[in-house]
Amino acid sequence: MDKRQQPRFTAQFRSTFSGGQREGQGRTLDLSAGGCKIETDLPVFVGASFECRIYIPGLDWPLRIDEAQVRWVKDNTFGIQFTKIQLDEETKLKEVIASLNEELKA
């Protein structure tokens, strides 16, 4: 059963995440308004929370997710749910999603 509440769009963006004493980087493989899937070589655990930045071409600054929680882990990929995001960042995220949706339709 698919528990996603928003459609996800395949997209590859550089991403970084940090929380506590840990920092890492990875590659965002898909993106939705509520979360994303990230590929990384670092060990990540279900339930972990961290700040995430997604570097999207065309944006002057990375998209900043103040808090994201790991929902699942499989091999070197994991899924996160965005649990805290500033309103202006959420607006940028929705614009990116709309752009990905338009590319898909083209």
N, C-alpha and C. Protein backbone atom coordinates (compact mmCIF):
# COMPACT_ATOMS: atom_id res chain seq x y z
N MET A 1 0.84 -1.19 0.00
CA MET A 1 0.00 0.00 0.00
C MET A 1 0.88 1.24 0.00
N ASP A 2 0.61 2.16 -0.88
CA ASP A 2 1.38 3.40 -0.98
C ASP A 2 0.80 4.42 -0.01
N LYS A 3 1.63 4.91 0.92
CA LYS A 3 1.16 5.84 1.95
C LYS A 3 1.39 7.30 1.58
N ARG A 4 1.94 7.56 0.41
CA ARG A 4 2.25 8.94 0.02
C ARG A 4 0.98 9.77 -0.13
N GLN A 5 1.07 11.01 0.31
CA GLN A 5 -0.06 11.92 0.20
C GLN A 5 0.08 12.86 -0.98
N GLN A 6 1.29 13.02 -1.50
CA GLN A 6 1.52 13.88 -2.66
C GLN A 6 2.28 13.08 -3.71
N PRO A 7 2.07 13.43 -4.99
CA PRO A 7 2.84 12.74 -6.04
C PRO A 7 4.32 13.09 -5.95
N ARG A 8 5.16 12.12 -6.27
CA ARG A 8 6.60 12.35 -6.29
C ARG A 8 7.07 12.45 -7.73
N PHE A 9 8.09 13.28 -7.92
CA PHE A 9 8.63 13.50 -9.25
C PHE A 9 10.10 13.10 -9.26
N THR A 10 10.49 12.33 -10.25
CA THR A 10 11.88 11.92 -10.37
C THR A 10 12.72 13.15 -10.70
N ALA A 11 13.75 13.36 -9.91
CA ALA A 11 14.65 14.50 -10.10
C ALA A 11 15.93 14.21 -9.35
N GLN A 12 17.05 14.58 -9.90
CA GLN A 12 18.32 14.35 -9.22
C GLN A 12 18.96 15.69 -8.88
N PHE A 13 19.02 15.97 -7.58
CA PHE A 13 19.62 17.19 -7.07
C PHE A 13 20.61 16.84 -5.97
N ARG A 14 21.67 17.62 -5.86
CA ARG A 14 22.61 17.44 -4.75
C ARG A 14 21.91 17.86 -3.47
N SER A 15 22.17 17.14 -2.40
CA SER A 15 21.55 17.47 -1.12
C SER A 15 22.54 17.28 0.01
N THR A 16 22.33 18.02 1.09
CA THR A 16 23.13 17.86 2.30
C THR A 16 22.16 17.75 3.47
N PHE A 17 22.62 17.08 4.52
CA PHE A 17 21.79 16.95 5.71
C PHE A 17 22.69 16.99 6.93
N SER A 18 22.15 17.54 8.02
CA SER A 18 22.92 17.63 9.26
C SER A 18 21.98 17.58 10.45
N GLY A 19 22.49 16.99 11.52
CA GLY A 19 21.72 16.90 12.75
C GLY A 19 22.59 16.36 13.86
N GLY A 20 22.49 16.96 15.02
CA GLY A 20 23.36 16.53 16.11
C GLY A 20 24.80 16.76 15.72
N GLN A 21 25.61 15.74 15.81
CA GLN A 21 27.03 15.83 15.46
C GLN A 21 27.31 15.29 14.05
N ARG A 22 26.26 14.99 13.28
CA ARG A 22 26.47 14.34 11.99
C ARG A 22 26.15 15.28 10.83
N GLU A 23 26.94 15.13 9.80
CA GLU A 23 26.69 15.83 8.54
C GLU A 23 26.90 14.86 7.41
N GLY A 24 26.16 15.04 6.34
CA GLY A 24 26.35 14.16 5.20
C GLY A 24 25.85 14.82 3.93
N GLN A 25 26.15 14.17 2.84
CA GLN A 25 25.63 14.65 1.57
C GLN A 25 25.15 13.47 0.75
N GLY A 26 24.29 13.78 -0.18
CA GLY A 26 23.73 12.72 -1.01
C GLY A 26 23.13 13.31 -2.26
N ARG A 27 22.30 12.50 -2.88
CA ARG A 27 21.65 12.91 -4.11
C ARG A 27 20.16 12.64 -3.96
N THR A 28 19.36 13.68 -4.12
CA THR A 28 17.91 13.53 -4.08
C THR A 28 17.48 12.85 -5.37
N LEU A 29 16.75 11.73 -5.23
CA LEU A 29 16.33 10.97 -6.40
C LEU A 29 14.90 11.26 -6.82
N ASP A 30 14.07 11.62 -5.85
CA ASP A 30 12.72 12.07 -6.19
C ASP A 30 12.26 13.06 -5.13
N LEU A 31 11.24 13.83 -5.48
CA LEU A 31 10.84 14.96 -4.64
C LEU A 31 9.33 15.13 -4.69
N SER A 32 8.74 15.43 -3.53
CA SER A 32 7.33 15.78 -3.46
C SER A 32 7.20 16.96 -2.51
N ALA A 33 5.99 17.48 -2.37
CA ALA A 33 5.77 18.59 -1.45
C ALA A 33 5.96 18.17 0.00
N GLY A 34 5.89 16.87 0.27
CA GLY A 34 5.98 16.40 1.65
C GLY A 34 7.23 15.64 2.01
N GLY A 35 8.09 15.36 1.02
CA GLY A 35 9.30 14.59 1.33
C GLY A 35 10.09 14.27 0.08
N CYS A 36 11.11 13.43 0.26
CA CYS A 36 11.93 13.03 -0.87
C CYS A 36 12.68 11.74 -0.56
N LYS A 37 13.32 11.21 -1.59
CA LYS A 37 14.18 10.04 -1.45
C LYS A 37 15.60 10.50 -1.72
N ILE A 38 16.53 10.10 -0.85
CA ILE A 38 17.93 10.50 -0.97
C ILE A 38 18.82 9.27 -1.02
N GLU A 39 19.83 9.34 -1.86
CA GLU A 39 20.85 8.30 -1.95
C GLU A 39 22.12 8.83 -1.29
N THR A 40 22.73 8.02 -0.42
CA THR A 40 23.95 8.43 0.28
C THR A 40 24.77 7.21 0.67
N ASP A 41 26.05 7.41 0.92
CA ASP A 41 26.91 6.33 1.39
C ASP A 41 26.94 6.24 2.91
N LEU A 42 26.34 7.21 3.59
CA LEU A 42 26.37 7.24 5.06
C LEU A 42 25.24 6.42 5.65
N PRO A 43 25.48 5.80 6.81
CA PRO A 43 24.40 5.07 7.47
C PRO A 43 23.36 6.04 8.04
N VAL A 44 22.11 5.76 7.80
CA VAL A 44 21.00 6.58 8.27
C VAL A 44 19.99 5.64 8.92
N PHE A 45 19.31 6.13 9.96
CA PHE A 45 18.40 5.27 10.71
C PHE A 45 16.97 5.81 10.70
N VAL A 46 16.00 4.91 10.63
CA VAL A 46 14.59 5.29 10.69
C VAL A 46 14.34 6.04 11.99
N GLY A 47 13.63 7.15 11.88
CA GLY A 47 13.32 7.97 13.05
C GLY A 47 14.28 9.13 13.27
N ALA A 48 15.43 9.09 12.61
CA ALA A 48 16.40 10.19 12.75
C ALA A 48 15.80 11.48 12.18
N SER A 49 16.13 12.61 12.79
CA SER A 49 15.68 13.91 12.30
C SER A 49 16.88 14.78 12.01
N PHE A 50 16.79 15.60 10.98
CA PHE A 50 17.89 16.49 10.63
C PHE A 50 17.41 17.62 9.75
N GLU A 51 18.28 18.61 9.58
CA GLU A 51 18.04 19.69 8.62
C GLU A 51 18.53 19.21 7.26
N CYS A 52 17.82 19.57 6.22
CA CYS A 52 18.18 19.13 4.88
C CYS A 52 18.21 20.34 3.94
N ARG A 53 19.18 20.35 3.06
CA ARG A 53 19.26 21.38 2.02
C ARG A 53 19.32 20.67 0.67
N ILE A 54 18.51 21.16 -0.25
CA ILE A 54 18.44 20.58 -1.58
C ILE A 54 18.86 21.67 -2.57
N TYR A 55 19.89 21.36 -3.35
CA TYR A 55 20.47 22.32 -4.28
C TYR A 55 19.83 22.14 -5.66
N ILE A 56 18.96 23.07 -6.01
CA ILE A 56 18.19 22.98 -7.25
C ILE A 56 18.73 23.98 -8.26
N PRO A 57 19.12 23.51 -9.44
CA PRO A 57 19.62 24.43 -10.46
C PRO A 57 18.60 25.52 -10.76
N GLY A 58 19.09 26.74 -10.87
CA GLY A 58 18.21 27.87 -11.15
C GLY A 58 17.79 28.65 -9.92
N LEU A 59 17.95 28.06 -8.74
CA LEU A 59 17.66 28.78 -7.50
C LEU A 59 18.96 29.37 -6.96
N ASP A 60 18.89 30.61 -6.49
CA ASP A 60 20.09 31.27 -5.96
C ASP A 60 20.60 30.60 -4.69
N TRP A 61 19.69 30.06 -3.88
CA TRP A 61 20.06 29.44 -2.61
C TRP A 61 19.46 28.05 -2.55
N PRO A 62 20.06 27.16 -1.78
CA PRO A 62 19.46 25.83 -1.65
C PRO A 62 18.12 25.90 -0.93
N LEU A 63 17.27 24.98 -1.26
CA LEU A 63 15.99 24.84 -0.57
C LEU A 63 16.28 24.29 0.82
N ARG A 64 15.82 24.98 1.86
CA ARG A 64 16.15 24.56 3.22
C ARG A 64 14.93 23.97 3.92
N ILE A 65 15.08 22.73 4.32
CA ILE A 65 14.06 22.05 5.12
C ILE A 65 14.58 22.08 6.55
N ASP A 66 13.89 22.80 7.43
CA ASP A 66 14.37 22.95 8.81
C ASP A 66 14.42 21.62 9.56
N GLU A 67 13.45 20.75 9.29
CA GLU A 67 13.47 19.44 9.93
C GLU A 67 12.82 18.42 9.02
N ALA A 68 13.50 17.29 8.88
CA ALA A 68 12.99 16.17 8.10
C ALA A 68 13.21 14.91 8.93
N GLN A 69 12.29 13.96 8.81
CA GLN A 69 12.41 12.73 9.58
C GLN A 69 12.51 11.54 8.63
N VAL A 70 13.47 10.66 8.92
CA VAL A 70 13.67 9.45 8.12
C VAL A 70 12.50 8.50 8.37
N ARG A 71 11.81 8.10 7.31
CA ARG A 71 10.67 7.20 7.41
C ARG A 71 11.01 5.76 7.04
N TRP A 72 11.97 5.59 6.12
CA TRP A 72 12.39 4.25 5.73
C TRP A 72 13.82 4.29 5.21
N VAL A 73 14.49 3.15 5.29
CA VAL A 73 15.86 3.01 4.78
C VAL A 73 15.93 1.70 4.01
N LYS A 74 16.54 1.73 2.83
CA LYS A 74 16.77 0.51 2.05
C LYS A 74 18.10 0.66 1.33
N ASP A 75 19.04 -0.22 1.69
CA ASP A 75 20.39 -0.17 1.13
C ASP A 75 20.98 1.22 1.32
N ASN A 76 21.33 1.90 0.23
CA ASN A 76 21.95 3.23 0.36
C ASN A 76 20.97 4.36 0.03
N THR A 77 19.67 4.09 0.13
CA THR A 77 18.67 5.14 -0.06
C THR A 77 17.77 5.22 1.17
N PHE A 78 17.18 6.38 1.37
CA PHE A 78 16.23 6.55 2.47
C PHE A 78 15.19 7.59 2.09
N GLY A 79 14.02 7.47 2.69
CA GLY A 79 12.93 8.40 2.44
C GLY A 79 12.73 9.29 3.65
N ILE A 80 12.54 10.58 3.39
CA ILE A 80 12.30 11.51 4.49
C ILE A 80 10.97 12.22 4.29
N GLN A 81 10.37 12.57 5.41
CA GLN A 81 9.17 13.40 5.43
C GLN A 81 9.58 14.76 5.95
N PHE A 82 9.18 15.82 5.23
CA PHE A 82 9.46 17.17 5.69
C PHE A 82 8.52 17.48 6.86
N THR A 83 9.07 17.72 8.04
CA THR A 83 8.24 17.95 9.22
C THR A 83 8.24 19.41 9.66
N LYS A 84 9.22 20.19 9.21
CA LYS A 84 9.25 21.62 9.55
C LYS A 84 9.93 22.37 8.41
N ILE A 85 9.17 23.32 7.83
CA ILE A 85 9.70 24.10 6.71
C ILE A 85 9.10 25.50 6.79
N GLN A 86 9.93 26.51 6.58
CA GLN A 86 9.47 27.89 6.61
C GLN A 86 8.53 28.15 5.42
N LEU A 87 7.62 29.07 5.59
CA LEU A 87 6.62 29.36 4.56
C LEU A 87 7.24 29.74 3.22
N ASP A 88 8.28 30.59 3.24
CA ASP A 88 8.91 31.00 1.97
C ASP A 88 9.61 29.82 1.29
N GLU A 89 10.17 28.91 2.09
CA GLU A 89 10.82 27.72 1.53
C GLU A 89 9.76 26.77 0.96
N GLU A 90 8.63 26.67 1.64
CA GLU A 90 7.53 25.82 1.16
C GLU A 90 7.01 26.36 -0.17
N THR A 91 6.94 27.68 -0.30
CA THR A 91 6.51 28.30 -1.55
C THR A 91 7.48 27.95 -2.68
N LYS A 92 8.79 28.05 -2.40
CA LYS A 92 9.80 27.68 -3.41
C LYS A 92 9.68 26.21 -3.78
N LEU A 93 9.46 25.36 -2.77
CA LEU A 93 9.32 23.92 -3.02
C LEU A 93 8.13 23.66 -3.95
N LYS A 94 7.02 24.31 -3.70
CA LYS A 94 5.84 24.12 -4.54
C LYS A 94 6.10 24.59 -5.97
N GLU A 95 6.88 25.67 -6.13
CA GLU A 95 7.24 26.15 -7.46
C GLU A 95 8.11 25.12 -8.19
N VAL A 96 9.05 24.51 -7.46
CA VAL A 96 9.91 23.48 -8.06
C VAL A 96 9.06 22.28 -8.48
N ILE A 97 8.14 21.86 -7.62
CA ILE A 97 7.25 20.73 -7.93
C ILE A 97 6.42 21.05 -9.18
N ALA A 98 5.87 22.26 -9.25
CA ALA A 98 5.08 22.66 -10.42
C ALA A 98 5.93 22.62 -11.69
N SER A 99 7.18 23.05 -11.58
CA SER A 99 8.09 23.03 -12.73
C SER A 99 8.38 21.59 -13.17
N LEU A 100 8.61 20.70 -12.20
CA LEU A 100 8.85 19.29 -12.53
C LEU A 100 7.62 18.67 -13.17
N ASN A 101 6.45 19.06 -12.70
CA ASN A 101 5.20 18.56 -13.25
C ASN A 101 5.04 19.02 -14.70
N GLU A 102 5.40 20.27 -14.98
CA GLU A 102 5.32 20.80 -16.34
C GLU A 102 6.29 20.06 -17.27
N GLU A 103 7.50 19.79 -16.76
CA GLU A 103 8.49 19.06 -17.56
C GLU A 103 7.98 17.67 -17.90
N LEU A 104 7.28 17.05 -16.96
CA LEU A 104 6.74 15.72 -17.17
C LEU A 104 5.67 15.71 -18.26
N LYS A 105 4.88 16.78 -18.30
CA LYS A 105 3.80 16.88 -19.29
C LYS A 105 4.33 17.21 -20.68
N ALA A 106 5.51 17.84 -20.76
CA ALA A 106 6.05 18.29 -22.05
C ALA A 106 6.48 17.13 -22.92
